[in-house]
Amino acid sequence: MKFSLFREYGAQNSRPVFDAFASSLSDAGHTVVDNSYDCDIGVIWSVLWHGRMAPNKKVWDDFATHNKKIIVLEVGGLQRGTTWKVGIGGINREAYFGPKGNDDTRAKKLGLQLQPWTDNGDSIVIVGQHERSHQWRYNPNMSSWVSEQIRKIREYTDRDIVWRPHPRFPVNNLEEDFKNVFRQNPVQVQDTYDDFDFSCSGAYAVVNHSSNPATHSVINGVPVFVSQASLAYEVGNSSYDTINNPNKPDRSQWLNDIAYTEWTLEEIANGEPLNRLTSAL
């Protein structure tokens, strides 16, 4: 098959991931070209139509029009800066990452350990996302969405709410319109490109549409309220009527499968994610 990599529209930290994936394609006998629509499969970075990645929207739309598949490379959340998502047709739960029902071999390899579900916690943390993500396409603007979540939560509980905007999509002062709602601004971790200080420690629950903080929270034993686009959906909550007694299911199989959504550069170059995806291409 002929794969076209749109490397020039990737984030600043994407080049090693593209290069590793290109190496796996070449080793498997596929043809690799750059920035061409004349191919069988496209490969892009993320589905955030913003900044240097904005041109990927045209690629995405063109491939959809011609019924061609796209592989999306994306920053990971299991070991941020070390593991990277490789999926077909999107990111998070909208992507295909290969067969489910996996054993715990890879989860152990990555050192993933589930913490017990918490029965404590003081606040409900709402974590925002970037409005220009393809995953946000069915939602209102961020300010309206967050305000709506706060109003819905208040139908069931008066717990403190902490509102944490996306580090690259701040929303101004909406917390001032509500009682017992507090803002927490992300702080970049020193000497990293895009790692920020999110922690769910002390949280009673985390609210998030579909991004990495929900997965992080579930692994650390904090119940989550998420959309169907989230990788945490199978082990999360989808309605605030359970906010006072959140769903806390067994997470063992979920963790085993999540471990196969992200890969190190060496594993990508060796063709491990490609081998899992080939049958669906």
C-alpha atoms as a PDB file:
ATOM      1  CA  MET A   1       0.000   0.000   0.000  1.00  0.00           C
ATOM      2  CA  LYS A   2       0.990   3.607  -0.507  1.00  0.00           C
ATOM      3  CA  PHE A   3       1.025   5.794   2.619  1.00  0.00           C
ATOM      4  CA  SER A   4       1.258   9.577   2.593  1.00  0.00           C
ATOM      5  CA  LEU A   5       2.650  11.278   5.703  1.00  0.00           C
ATOM      6  CA  PHE A   6       1.680  14.915   6.259  1.00  0.00           C
ATOM      7  CA  ARG A   7       4.659  15.648   8.512  1.00  0.00           C
ATOM      8  CA  GLU A   8       4.794  19.389   7.899  1.00  0.00           C
ATOM      9  CA  TYR A   9       1.411  19.790   9.623  1.00  0.00           C
ATOM     10  CA  GLY A  10       2.536  18.058  12.794  1.00  0.00           C
ATOM     11  CA  ALA A  11       3.245  19.550  16.205  1.00  0.00           C
ATOM     12  CA  GLN A  12       6.809  20.508  17.013  1.00  0.00           C
ATOM     13  CA  ASN A  13       7.364  17.237  18.873  1.00  0.00           C
ATOM     14  CA  SER A  14       5.858  15.051  16.149  1.00  0.00           C
ATOM     15  CA  ARG A  15       8.822  14.504  13.815  1.00  0.00           C
ATOM     16  CA  PRO A  16      10.382  11.545  15.702  1.00  0.00           C
ATOM     17  CA  VAL A  17       6.983   9.827  15.800  1.00  0.00           C
ATOM     18  CA  PHE A  18       6.411  10.332  12.069  1.00  0.00           C
ATOM     19  CA  ASP A  19       9.933   9.097  11.342  1.00  0.00           C
ATOM     20  CA  ALA A  20       9.482   5.986  13.477  1.00  0.00           C
ATOM     21  CA  PHE A  21       6.171   5.176  11.797  1.00  0.00           C
ATOM     22  CA  ALA A  22       7.634   5.783   8.330  1.00  0.00           C
ATOM     23  CA  SER A  23      10.439   3.363   9.167  1.00  0.00           C
ATOM     24  CA  SER A  24       7.923   0.672  10.125  1.00  0.00           C
ATOM     25  CA  LEU A  25       6.030   1.193   6.864  1.00  0.00           C
ATOM     26  CA  SER A  26       9.158   0.902   4.745  1.00  0.00           C
ATOM     27  CA  ASP A  27      10.299  -2.200   6.597  1.00  0.00           C
ATOM     28  CA  ALA A  28       6.890  -3.775   5.931  1.00  0.00           C
ATOM     29  CA  GLY A  29       7.293  -3.174   2.193  1.00  0.00           C
ATOM     30  CA  HIS A  30       4.888  -0.244   1.859  1.00  0.00           C
ATOM     31  CA  THR A  31       5.516   2.864  -0.242  1.00  0.00           C
ATOM     32  CA  VAL A  32       5.980   6.057   1.770  1.00  0.00           C
ATOM     33  CA  VAL A  33       5.481   9.548   0.318  1.00  0.00           C
ATOM     34  CA  ASP A  34       4.990  12.982   1.845  1.00  0.00           C
ATOM     35  CA  ASN A  35       2.135  15.459   1.496  1.00  0.00           C
ATOM     36  CA  SER A  36       0.408  13.649  -1.361  1.00  0.00           C
ATOM     37  CA  TYR A  37      -3.289  12.981  -1.831  1.00  0.00           C
ATOM     38  CA  ASP A  38      -2.390  10.297  -4.376  1.00  0.00           C
ATOM     39  CA  CYS A  39      -2.150   7.409  -1.926  1.00  0.00           C
ATOM     40  CA  ASP A  40      -4.114   4.647  -0.226  1.00  0.00           C
ATOM     41  CA  ILE A  41      -3.724   5.748   3.407  1.00  0.00           C
ATOM     42  CA  GLY A  42      -3.033   9.161   4.922  1.00  0.00           C
ATOM     43  CA  VAL A  43      -1.103   9.752   8.150  1.00  0.00           C
ATOM     44  CA  ILE A  44      -1.635  12.979  10.091  1.00  0.00           C
ATOM     45  CA  TRP A  45      -0.854  14.398  13.515  1.00  0.00           C
ATOM     46  CA  SER A  46      -3.833  14.802  15.837  1.00  0.00           C
ATOM     47  CA  VAL A  47      -7.274  16.117  14.917  1.00  0.00           C
ATOM     48  CA  LEU A  48      -6.749  19.604  16.317  1.00  0.00           C
ATOM     49  CA  TRP A  49      -7.488  22.019  13.478  1.00  0.00           C
ATOM     50  CA  HIS A  50      -5.399  24.838  14.930  1.00  0.00           C
ATOM     51  CA  GLY A  51      -2.037  26.517  14.394  1.00  0.00           C
ATOM     52  CA  ARG A  52       0.464  24.524  12.376  1.00  0.00           C
ATOM     53  CA  MET A  53      -1.981  21.566  12.439  1.00  0.00           C
ATOM     54  CA  ALA A  54      -4.892  23.507  10.919  1.00  0.00           C
ATOM     55  CA  PRO A  55      -4.163  22.288   7.326  1.00  0.00           C
ATOM     56  CA  ASN A  56      -4.870  18.732   8.483  1.00  0.00           C
ATOM     57  CA  LYS A  57      -8.575  19.601   8.344  1.00  0.00           C
ATOM     58  CA  LYS A  58      -8.369  19.779   4.546  1.00  0.00           C
ATOM     59  CA  VAL A  59      -6.560  16.433   4.478  1.00  0.00           C
ATOM     60  CA  TRP A  60      -9.159  14.886   6.782  1.00  0.00           C
ATOM     61  CA  ASP A  61     -12.078  16.157   4.708  1.00  0.00           C
ATOM     62  CA  ASP A  62     -10.543  15.115   1.393  1.00  0.00           C
ATOM     63  CA  PHE A  63      -9.830  11.586   2.564  1.00  0.00           C
ATOM     64  CA  ALA A  64     -13.331  11.274   3.998  1.00  0.00           C
ATOM     65  CA  THR A  65     -14.826  12.447   0.681  1.00  0.00           C
ATOM     66  CA  HIS A  66     -12.857   9.791  -1.203  1.00  0.00           C
ATOM     67  CA  ASN A  67     -13.521   7.093   1.415  1.00  0.00           C
ATOM     68  CA  LYS A  68      -9.838   6.729   2.225  1.00  0.00           C
ATOM     69  CA  LYS A  69      -8.601   5.856   5.687  1.00  0.00           C
ATOM     70  CA  ILE A  70      -6.403   8.049   7.851  1.00  0.00           C
ATOM     71  CA  ILE A  71      -4.039   6.992  10.600  1.00  0.00           C
ATOM     72  CA  VAL A  72      -3.749   9.574  13.349  1.00  0.00           C
ATOM     73  CA  LEU A  73      -0.595   9.937  15.432  1.00  0.00           C
ATOM     74  CA  GLU A  74      -1.118  11.744  18.703  1.00  0.00           C
ATOM     75  CA  VAL A  75       0.559  12.601  21.994  1.00  0.00           C
ATOM     76  CA  GLY A  76      -0.066   9.918  24.598  1.00  0.00           C
ATOM     77  CA  GLY A  77      -1.306  10.202  28.140  1.00  0.00           C
ATOM     78  CA  LEU A  78      -0.081   6.996  29.765  1.00  0.00           C
ATOM     79  CA  GLN A  79       3.575   8.062  29.768  1.00  0.00           C
ATOM     80  CA  ARG A  80       3.438  11.535  28.306  1.00  0.00           C
ATOM     81  CA  GLY A  81       6.441  12.334  26.161  1.00  0.00           C
ATOM     82  CA  THR A  82       7.369   8.640  26.011  1.00  0.00           C
ATOM     83  CA  THR A  83       4.327   6.877  24.555  1.00  0.00           C
ATOM     84  CA  TRP A  84       2.262   7.981  21.555  1.00  0.00           C
ATOM     85  CA  LYS A  85      -1.176   7.042  20.272  1.00  0.00           C
ATOM     86  CA  VAL A  86      -1.459   5.347  16.874  1.00  0.00           C
ATOM     87  CA  GLY A  87      -5.019   4.779  15.675  1.00  0.00           C
ATOM     88  CA  ILE A  88      -7.206   4.617  12.591  1.00  0.00           C
ATOM     89  CA  GLY A  89      -9.906   7.195  11.949  1.00  0.00           C
ATOM     90  CA  GLY A  90      -9.475   9.611  14.827  1.00  0.00           C
ATOM     91  CA  ILE A  91      -8.299   9.779  18.411  1.00  0.00           C
ATOM     92  CA  ASN A  92      -9.448   8.401  21.748  1.00  0.00           C
ATOM     93  CA  ARG A  93     -12.596   6.255  21.590  1.00  0.00           C
ATOM     94  CA  GLU A  94     -13.394   7.408  18.033  1.00  0.00           C
ATOM     95  CA  ALA A  95     -10.240   5.657  16.811  1.00  0.00           C
ATOM     96  CA  TYR A  96      -9.542   1.990  16.144  1.00  0.00           C
ATOM     97  CA  PHE A  97      -6.427   0.802  17.982  1.00  0.00           C
ATOM     98  CA  GLY A  98      -6.639  -2.902  17.266  1.00  0.00           C
ATOM     99  CA  PRO A  99      -8.391  -5.885  18.882  1.00  0.00           C
ATOM    100  CA  LYS A 100      -9.684  -5.669  22.445  1.00  0.00           C
ATOM    101  CA  GLY A 101      -9.745  -8.421  25.062  1.00  0.00           C
ATOM    102  CA  ASN A 102      -5.980  -8.205  25.594  1.00  0.00           C
ATOM    103  CA  ASP A 103      -4.100  -9.758  28.494  1.00  0.00           C
ATOM    104  CA  ASP A 104      -2.063  -7.743  31.015  1.00  0.00           C
ATOM    105  CA  THR A 105       1.344  -8.233  29.363  1.00  0.00           C
ATOM    106  CA  ARG A 106       1.597  -4.734  27.952  1.00  0.00           C
ATOM    107  CA  ALA A 107       0.037  -3.000  30.953  1.00  0.00           C
ATOM    108  CA  LYS A 108       2.748  -4.583  33.098  1.00  0.00           C
ATOM    109  CA  LYS A 109       5.427  -3.621  30.580  1.00  0.00           C
ATOM    110  CA  LEU A 110       4.351   0.025  30.815  1.00  0.00           C
ATOM    111  CA  GLY A 111       4.165  -0.173  34.589  1.00  0.00           C
ATOM    112  CA  LEU A 112       0.466   0.715  34.670  1.00  0.00           C
ATOM    113  CA  GLN A 113      -1.089   0.073  38.065  1.00  0.00           C
ATOM    114  CA  LEU A 114      -4.660   0.730  39.074  1.00  0.00           C
ATOM    115  CA  GLN A 115      -5.156   2.591  42.319  1.00  0.00           C
ATOM    116  CA  PRO A 116      -8.203   1.715  44.446  1.00  0.00           C
ATOM    117  CA  TRP A 117     -11.348   3.708  43.743  1.00  0.00           C
ATOM    118  CA  THR A 118     -11.456   6.680  46.090  1.00  0.00           C
ATOM    119  CA  ASP A 119     -14.304   7.166  48.535  1.00  0.00           C
ATOM    120  CA  ASN A 120     -13.081  10.590  49.553  1.00  0.00           C
ATOM    121  CA  GLY A 121     -12.143  13.776  47.750  1.00  0.00           C
ATOM    122  CA  ASP A 122     -13.322  17.310  48.248  1.00  0.00           C
ATOM    123  CA  SER A 123     -14.029  18.825  44.850  1.00  0.00           C
ATOM    124  CA  ILE A 124     -15.371  18.025  41.416  1.00  0.00           C
ATOM    125  CA  VAL A 125     -12.799  18.980  38.785  1.00  0.00           C
ATOM    126  CA  ILE A 126     -14.007  20.060  35.330  1.00  0.00           C
ATOM    127  CA  VAL A 127     -11.214  19.784  32.763  1.00  0.00           C
ATOM    128  CA  GLY A 128     -11.608  21.713  29.513  1.00  0.00           C
ATOM    129  CA  GLN A 129     -10.378  20.950  26.015  1.00  0.00           C
ATOM    130  CA  HIS A 130      -9.562  22.858  22.849  1.00  0.00           C
ATOM    131  CA  GLU A 131     -12.600  24.010  20.885  1.00  0.00           C
ATOM    132  CA  ARG A 132     -10.906  23.480  17.533  1.00  0.00           C
ATOM    133  CA  SER A 133     -10.473  19.769  18.055  1.00  0.00           C
ATOM    134  CA  HIS A 134     -12.491  17.503  15.782  1.00  0.00           C
ATOM    135  CA  GLN A 135     -13.714  15.829  18.974  1.00  0.00           C
ATOM    136  CA  TRP A 136     -15.424  19.055  20.013  1.00  0.00           C
ATOM    137  CA  ARG A 137     -17.450  19.335  16.801  1.00  0.00           C
ATOM    138  CA  TYR A 138     -20.834  18.596  18.397  1.00  0.00           C
ATOM    139  CA  ASN A 139     -20.372  20.824  21.456  1.00  0.00           C
ATOM    140  CA  PRO A 140     -21.093  24.519  22.063  1.00  0.00           C
ATOM    141  CA  ASN A 141     -18.290  26.964  22.811  1.00  0.00           C
ATOM    142  CA  MET A 142     -16.198  26.076  25.835  1.00  0.00           C
ATOM    143  CA  SER A 143     -17.641  28.737  28.118  1.00  0.00           C
ATOM    144  CA  SER A 144     -21.193  27.551  27.425  1.00  0.00           C
ATOM    145  CA  TRP A 145     -20.232  23.904  27.864  1.00  0.00           C
ATOM    146  CA  VAL A 146     -18.526  24.454  31.218  1.00  0.00           C
ATOM    147  CA  SER A 147     -21.393  26.605  32.478  1.00  0.00           C
ATOM    148  CA  GLU A 148     -23.843  23.899  31.446  1.00  0.00           C
ATOM    149  CA  GLN A 149     -21.865  21.235  33.345  1.00  0.00           C
ATOM    150  CA  ILE A 150     -21.823  23.408  36.466  1.00  0.00           C
ATOM    151  CA  ARG A 151     -25.578  23.983  36.316  1.00  0.00           C
ATOM    152  CA  LYS A 152     -26.264  20.265  35.829  1.00  0.00           C
ATOM    153  CA  ILE A 153     -23.960  19.297  38.703  1.00  0.00           C
ATOM    154  CA  ARG A 154     -25.677  21.827  40.962  1.00  0.00           C
ATOM    155  CA  GLU A 155     -28.965  19.965  40.490  1.00  0.00           C
ATOM    156  CA  TYR A 156     -27.468  17.176  42.622  1.00  0.00           C
ATOM    157  CA  THR A 157     -24.687  18.534  44.832  1.00  0.00           C
ATOM    158  CA  ASP A 158     -23.207  21.659  46.387  1.00  0.00           C
ATOM    159  CA  ARG A 159     -19.657  20.311  46.417  1.00  0.00           C
ATOM    160  CA  ASP A 160     -16.900  22.723  45.460  1.00  0.00           C
ATOM    161  CA  ILE A 161     -16.145  22.727  41.748  1.00  0.00           C
ATOM    162  CA  VAL A 162     -12.697  23.376  40.324  1.00  0.00           C
ATOM    163  CA  TRP A 163     -12.623  24.565  36.702  1.00  0.00           C
ATOM    164  CA  ARG A 164      -9.369  23.841  34.848  1.00  0.00           C
ATOM    165  CA  PRO A 165      -9.138  25.202  31.273  1.00  0.00           C
ATOM    166  CA  HIS A 166      -7.084  23.647  28.505  1.00  0.00           C
ATOM    167  CA  PRO A 167      -3.576  25.167  28.644  1.00  0.00           C
ATOM    168  CA  ARG A 168      -3.868  26.427  25.073  1.00  0.00           C
ATOM    169  CA  PHE A 169      -7.511  27.408  25.192  1.00  0.00           C
ATOM    170  CA  PRO A 170      -8.167  29.568  28.272  1.00  0.00           C
ATOM    171  CA  VAL A 171     -11.669  30.799  29.036  1.00  0.00           C
ATOM    172  CA  ASN A 172     -11.981  34.067  30.902  1.00  0.00           C
ATOM    173  CA  ASN A 173     -13.491  34.260  34.394  1.00  0.00           C
ATOM    174  CA  LEU A 174     -16.640  32.163  33.969  1.00  0.00           C
ATOM    175  CA  GLU A 175     -16.128  30.921  37.534  1.00  0.00           C
ATOM    176  CA  GLU A 176     -17.136  34.377  38.749  1.00  0.00           C
ATOM    177  CA  ASP A 177     -20.725  33.672  37.681  1.00  0.00           C
ATOM    178  CA  PHE A 178     -21.114  30.804  40.170  1.00  0.00           C
ATOM    179  CA  LYS A 179     -20.740  30.161  43.890  1.00  0.00           C
ATOM    180  CA  ASN A 180     -18.091  27.741  45.113  1.00  0.00           C
ATOM    181  CA  VAL A 181     -16.501  27.416  41.691  1.00  0.00           C
ATOM    182  CA  PHE A 182     -12.774  28.011  41.568  1.00  0.00           C
ATOM    183  CA  ARG A 183     -10.309  28.309  38.707  1.00  0.00           C
ATOM    184  CA  GLN A 184      -7.131  26.251  38.441  1.00  0.00           C
ATOM    185  CA  ASN A 185      -4.766  27.382  35.696  1.00  0.00           C
ATOM    186  CA  PRO A 186      -2.483  24.714  34.171  1.00  0.00           C
ATOM    187  CA  VAL A 187       1.240  25.114  34.783  1.00  0.00           C
ATOM    188  CA  GLN A 188       3.715  23.690  32.295  1.00  0.00           C
ATOM    189  CA  VAL A 189       6.121  21.122  33.672  1.00  0.00           C
ATOM    190  CA  GLN A 190       9.667  22.454  33.471  1.00  0.00           C
ATOM    191  CA  ASP A 191      11.807  21.247  30.553  1.00  0.00           C
ATOM    192  CA  THR A 192       8.871  19.658  28.680  1.00  0.00           C
ATOM    193  CA  TYR A 193       7.253  20.639  25.397  1.00  0.00           C
ATOM    194  CA  ASP A 194       3.605  20.154  26.312  1.00  0.00           C
ATOM    195  CA  ASP A 195       3.351  18.405  29.677  1.00  0.00           C
ATOM    196  CA  PHE A 196       1.277  20.197  32.308  1.00  0.00           C
ATOM    197  CA  ASP A 197       0.679  19.724  36.019  1.00  0.00           C
ATOM    198  CA  PHE A 198      -2.704  17.982  36.034  1.00  0.00           C
ATOM    199  CA  SER A 199      -3.312  15.944  39.166  1.00  0.00           C
ATOM    200  CA  CYS A 200      -6.547  14.367  40.351  1.00  0.00           C
ATOM    201  CA  SER A 201      -5.233  13.931  43.882  1.00  0.00           C
ATOM    202  CA  GLY A 202      -7.878  15.088  46.327  1.00  0.00           C
ATOM    203  CA  ALA A 203     -10.625  15.153  43.706  1.00  0.00           C
ATOM    204  CA  TYR A 204     -13.999  13.564  44.374  1.00  0.00           C
ATOM    205  CA  ALA A 205     -14.685  13.233  40.630  1.00  0.00           C
ATOM    206  CA  VAL A 206     -13.388  14.537  37.300  1.00  0.00           C
ATOM    207  CA  VAL A 207     -15.559  15.856  34.455  1.00  0.00           C
ATOM    208  CA  ASN A 208     -14.028  15.763  30.984  1.00  0.00           C
ATOM    209  CA  HIS A 209     -15.375  15.414  27.450  1.00  0.00           C
ATOM    210  CA  SER A 210     -12.797  13.080  25.888  1.00  0.00           C
ATOM    211  CA  SER A 211      -9.155  13.902  26.634  1.00  0.00           C
ATOM    212  CA  ASN A 212      -6.284  12.329  28.575  1.00  0.00           C
ATOM    213  CA  PRO A 213      -7.136  13.623  32.099  1.00  0.00           C
ATOM    214  CA  ALA A 214     -10.102  11.229  32.254  1.00  0.00           C
ATOM    215  CA  THR A 215      -7.898   8.208  31.570  1.00  0.00           C
ATOM    216  CA  HIS A 216      -5.339   9.454  34.098  1.00  0.00           C
ATOM    217  CA  SER A 217      -8.077   9.896  36.698  1.00  0.00           C
ATOM    218  CA  VAL A 218      -9.579   6.431  36.243  1.00  0.00           C
ATOM    219  CA  ILE A 219      -6.167   4.789  36.615  1.00  0.00           C
ATOM    220  CA  ASN A 220      -5.698   6.757  39.818  1.00  0.00           C
ATOM    221  CA  GLY A 221      -9.056   5.709  41.215  1.00  0.00           C
ATOM    222  CA  VAL A 222     -11.062   8.908  40.721  1.00  0.00           C
ATOM    223  CA  PRO A 223     -14.529   8.482  39.160  1.00  0.00           C
ATOM    224  CA  VAL A 224     -15.088  10.326  35.894  1.00  0.00           C
ATOM    225  CA  PHE A 225     -18.030  11.818  34.019  1.00  0.00           C
ATOM    226  CA  VAL A 226     -17.291  11.701  30.304  1.00  0.00           C
ATOM    227  CA  SER A 227     -18.769  11.552  26.808  1.00  0.00           C
ATOM    228  CA  GLN A 228     -18.886   8.536  24.515  1.00  0.00           C
ATOM    229  CA  ALA A 229     -15.794   9.913  22.734  1.00  0.00           C
ATOM    230  CA  SER A 230     -13.642   9.320  25.817  1.00  0.00           C
ATOM    231  CA  LEU A 231     -11.418   6.277  26.258  1.00  0.00           C
ATOM    232  CA  ALA A 232     -12.703   6.237  29.830  1.00  0.00           C
ATOM    233  CA  TYR A 233     -16.358   5.880  28.781  1.00  0.00           C
ATOM    234  CA  GLU A 234     -16.597   2.131  29.525  1.00  0.00           C
ATOM    235  CA  VAL A 235     -15.500   2.673  33.133  1.00  0.00           C
ATOM    236  CA  GLY A 236     -16.985   6.116  33.668  1.00  0.00           C
ATOM    237  CA  ASN A 237     -20.298   7.848  34.233  1.00  0.00           C
ATOM    238  CA  SER A 238     -22.386   9.593  31.595  1.00  0.00           C
ATOM    239  CA  SER A 239     -25.085  11.240  33.725  1.00  0.00           C
ATOM    240  CA  TYR A 240     -24.845  13.455  36.780  1.00  0.00           C
ATOM    241  CA  ASP A 241     -27.680  11.610  38.477  1.00  0.00           C
ATOM    242  CA  THR A 242     -24.952   9.284  39.776  1.00  0.00           C
ATOM    243  CA  ILE A 243     -22.742  12.114  41.067  1.00  0.00           C
ATOM    244  CA  ASN A 244     -23.444  11.229  44.709  1.00  0.00           C
ATOM    245  CA  ASN A 245     -22.741   7.545  44.127  1.00  0.00           C
ATOM    246  CA  PRO A 246     -20.529   7.295  41.027  1.00  0.00           C
ATOM    247  CA  ASN A 247     -20.104   4.135  39.024  1.00  0.00           C
ATOM    248  CA  LYS A 248     -16.877   2.374  40.050  1.00  0.00           C
ATOM    249  CA  PRO A 249     -16.635  -0.773  37.920  1.00  0.00           C
ATOM    250  CA  ASP A 250     -13.838  -3.279  37.584  1.00  0.00           C
ATOM    251  CA  ARG A 251     -11.132  -1.705  35.415  1.00  0.00           C
ATOM    252  CA  SER A 252      -8.786  -4.641  34.799  1.00  0.00           C
ATOM    253  CA  GLN A 253      -9.768  -5.440  31.203  1.00  0.00           C
ATOM    254  CA  TRP A 254     -10.113  -1.760  30.403  1.00  0.00           C
ATOM    255  CA  LEU A 255      -6.522  -1.149  31.540  1.00  0.00           C
ATOM    256  CA  ASN A 256      -5.229  -4.088  29.512  1.00  0.00           C
ATOM    257  CA  ASP A 257      -6.851  -2.671  26.367  1.00  0.00           C
ATOM    258  CA  ILE A 258      -5.821   0.944  27.035  1.00  0.00           C
ATOM    259  CA  ALA A 259      -2.207  -0.212  27.181  1.00  0.00           C
ATOM    260  CA  TYR A 260      -2.429  -1.109  23.482  1.00  0.00           C
ATOM    261  CA  THR A 261      -3.416   2.415  22.405  1.00  0.00           C
ATOM    262  CA  GLU A 262       0.051   3.908  23.005  1.00  0.00           C
ATOM    263  CA  TRP A 263       3.579   2.981  21.959  1.00  0.00           C
ATOM    264  CA  THR A 264       7.170   4.046  22.466  1.00  0.00           C
ATOM    265  CA  LEU A 265       9.207   5.315  19.525  1.00  0.00           C
ATOM    266  CA  GLU A 266      11.138   2.036  19.438  1.00  0.00           C
ATOM    267  CA  GLU A 267       7.943   0.004  19.347  1.00  0.00           C
ATOM    268  CA  ILE A 268       6.508   2.202  16.590  1.00  0.00           C
ATOM    269  CA  ALA A 269       9.688   1.842  14.523  1.00  0.00           C
ATOM    270  CA  ASN A 270       9.615  -1.928  15.049  1.00  0.00           C
ATOM    271  CA  GLY A 271       6.112  -2.047  13.576  1.00  0.00           C
ATOM    272  CA  GLU A 272       4.168  -3.156  16.655  1.00  0.00           C
ATOM    273  CA  PRO A 273       1.221  -0.756  16.267  1.00  0.00           C
ATOM    274  CA  LEU A 274       1.240  -1.180  12.472  1.00  0.00           C
ATOM    275  CA  ASN A 275       0.947  -4.950  12.867  1.00  0.00           C
ATOM    276  CA  ARG A 276      -2.120  -4.515  15.086  1.00  0.00           C
ATOM    277  CA  LEU A 277      -3.783  -2.170  12.601  1.00  0.00           C
ATOM    278  CA  THR A 278      -2.901  -3.774   9.263  1.00  0.00           C
ATOM    279  CA  SER A 279      -5.945  -6.045   9.071  1.00  0.00           C
ATOM    280  CA  ALA A 280      -8.220  -2.980   9.278  1.00  0.00           C
ATOM    281  CA  LEU A 281      -6.462  -0.976   6.548  1.00  0.00           C
END
